[in-house]
Amino acid sequence: MEKHMEESGPLLCLCARVTEGEVVAAVERGALDLPAVREATGANTGCGDCADDVEDVIADHQERTALRTAPH
């Protein structure tokens, strides 16, 4: 997928013009899977080509959060 830079990061969803930052913000507010991010941001409501990219951002954020909250 071609990515364009926007103010809050690269566009993940060209159809809805949703950026990586908007997806991260949605995940931080509790959207923990693709359907929830779709509802919160509008991402993945057009052609569907961005599904893998959006799911990668969700997984990366959850992994980073797990690492920060893991007991040391």
C-alpha atoms as a PDB file:
ATOM      1  CA  MET A   1       0.000   0.000   0.000  1.00  0.00           C
ATOM      2  CA  GLU A   2       1.273   3.443  -0.883  1.00  0.00           C
ATOM      3  CA  LYS A   3       1.644   5.592   2.201  1.00  0.00           C
ATOM      4  CA  HIS A   4       1.375   9.361   2.227  1.00  0.00           C
ATOM      5  CA  MET A   5       2.590  11.426   5.160  1.00  0.00           C
ATOM      6  CA  GLU A   6       0.001  13.381   7.077  1.00  0.00           C
ATOM      7  CA  GLU A   7       0.232  15.424  10.241  1.00  0.00           C
ATOM      8  CA  SER A   8      -0.274  12.380  12.499  1.00  0.00           C
ATOM      9  CA  GLY A   9       1.813   9.914  10.535  1.00  0.00           C
ATOM     10  CA  PRO A  10       1.445   7.942   7.353  1.00  0.00           C
ATOM     11  CA  LEU A  11      -1.987   7.314   5.915  1.00  0.00           C
ATOM     12  CA  LEU A  12      -2.973   3.728   6.566  1.00  0.00           C
ATOM     13  CA  CYS A  13      -6.403   3.960   4.979  1.00  0.00           C
ATOM     14  CA  LEU A  14      -6.431   5.963   1.789  1.00  0.00           C
ATOM     15  CA  CYS A  15     -10.194   5.611   1.287  1.00  0.00           C
ATOM     16  CA  ALA A  16     -11.096   7.185   4.647  1.00  0.00           C
ATOM     17  CA  ARG A  17      -7.829   9.168   4.989  1.00  0.00           C
ATOM     18  CA  VAL A  18      -7.075   7.609   8.390  1.00  0.00           C
ATOM     19  CA  THR A  19      -3.522   7.975   9.672  1.00  0.00           C
ATOM     20  CA  GLU A  20      -1.412   5.683  11.804  1.00  0.00           C
ATOM     21  CA  GLY A  21      -1.702   8.183  14.648  1.00  0.00           C
ATOM     22  CA  GLU A  22      -5.485   8.044  14.504  1.00  0.00           C
ATOM     23  CA  VAL A  23      -5.394   4.238  14.696  1.00  0.00           C
ATOM     24  CA  VAL A  24      -2.996   4.351  17.657  1.00  0.00           C
ATOM     25  CA  ALA A  25      -5.247   6.868  19.411  1.00  0.00           C
ATOM     26  CA  ALA A  26      -8.266   4.608  18.847  1.00  0.00           C
ATOM     27  CA  VAL A  27      -6.374   1.618  20.278  1.00  0.00           C
ATOM     28  CA  GLU A  28      -5.340   3.682  23.294  1.00  0.00           C
ATOM     29  CA  ARG A  29      -9.035   4.500  23.832  1.00  0.00           C
ATOM     30  CA  GLY A  30      -9.874   0.777  23.844  1.00  0.00           C
ATOM     31  CA  ALA A  31     -10.392  -0.248  20.194  1.00  0.00           C
ATOM     32  CA  LEU A  32      -8.478  -3.519  20.420  1.00  0.00           C
ATOM     33  CA  ASP A  33      -9.359  -5.215  17.133  1.00  0.00           C
ATOM     34  CA  LEU A  34     -10.047  -4.325  13.520  1.00  0.00           C
ATOM     35  CA  PRO A  35     -13.846  -4.032  13.874  1.00  0.00           C
ATOM     36  CA  ALA A  36     -13.456  -1.681  16.855  1.00  0.00           C
ATOM     37  CA  VAL A  37     -10.847   0.457  15.053  1.00  0.00           C
ATOM     38  CA  ARG A  38     -13.087   0.475  11.979  1.00  0.00           C
ATOM     39  CA  GLU A  39     -15.975   1.797  14.064  1.00  0.00           C
ATOM     40  CA  ALA A  40     -13.820   4.361  15.873  1.00  0.00           C
ATOM     41  CA  THR A  41     -11.944   5.748  12.867  1.00  0.00           C
ATOM     42  CA  GLY A  42     -13.651   4.699   9.657  1.00  0.00           C
ATOM     43  CA  ALA A  43     -10.500   2.872   8.563  1.00  0.00           C
ATOM     44  CA  ASN A  44     -11.095  -0.257   6.480  1.00  0.00           C
ATOM     45  CA  THR A  45     -14.595   0.781   5.453  1.00  0.00           C
ATOM     46  CA  GLY A  46     -13.735   1.282   1.777  1.00  0.00           C
ATOM     47  CA  CYS A  47     -11.723  -1.081  -0.384  1.00  0.00           C
ATOM     48  CA  GLY A  48     -10.277  -3.128   2.497  1.00  0.00           C
ATOM     49  CA  ASP A  49      -6.665  -2.975   1.322  1.00  0.00           C
ATOM     50  CA  CYS A  50      -5.521  -1.435   4.611  1.00  0.00           C
ATOM     51  CA  ALA A  51      -6.700  -4.277   6.869  1.00  0.00           C
ATOM     52  CA  ASP A  52      -3.245  -5.817   7.303  1.00  0.00           C
ATOM     53  CA  ASP A  53      -1.621  -2.437   7.983  1.00  0.00           C
ATOM     54  CA  VAL A  54      -4.262  -1.502  10.561  1.00  0.00           C
ATOM     55  CA  GLU A  55      -3.989  -4.901  12.255  1.00  0.00           C
ATOM     56  CA  ASP A  56      -0.184  -4.510  12.370  1.00  0.00           C
ATOM     57  CA  VAL A  57      -0.522  -1.164  14.158  1.00  0.00           C
ATOM     58  CA  ILE A  58      -2.987  -2.709  16.632  1.00  0.00           C
ATOM     59  CA  ALA A  59      -0.650  -5.648  17.315  1.00  0.00           C
ATOM     60  CA  ASP A  60       2.439  -3.412  17.644  1.00  0.00           C
ATOM     61  CA  HIS A  61       0.685  -1.149  20.116  1.00  0.00           C
ATOM     62  CA  GLN A  62      -0.600  -4.088  22.181  1.00  0.00           C
ATOM     63  CA  GLU A  63       2.889  -5.624  22.214  1.00  0.00           C
ATOM     64  CA  ARG A  64       4.496  -2.366  23.384  1.00  0.00           C
ATOM     65  CA  THR A  65       1.827  -1.975  26.056  1.00  0.00           C
ATOM     66  CA  ALA A  66       2.383  -5.543  27.272  1.00  0.00           C
ATOM     67  CA  LEU A  67       6.135  -4.946  27.505  1.00  0.00           C
ATOM     68  CA  ARG A  68       5.607  -1.743  29.518  1.00  0.00           C
ATOM     69  CA  THR A  69       3.214  -3.412  31.965  1.00  0.00           C
ATOM     70  CA  ALA A  70       5.105  -6.715  32.364  1.00  0.00           C
ATOM     71  CA  PRO A  71       6.625  -7.242  35.800  1.00  0.00           C
ATOM     72  CA  HIS A  72      10.392  -6.750  35.840  1.00  0.00           C
END
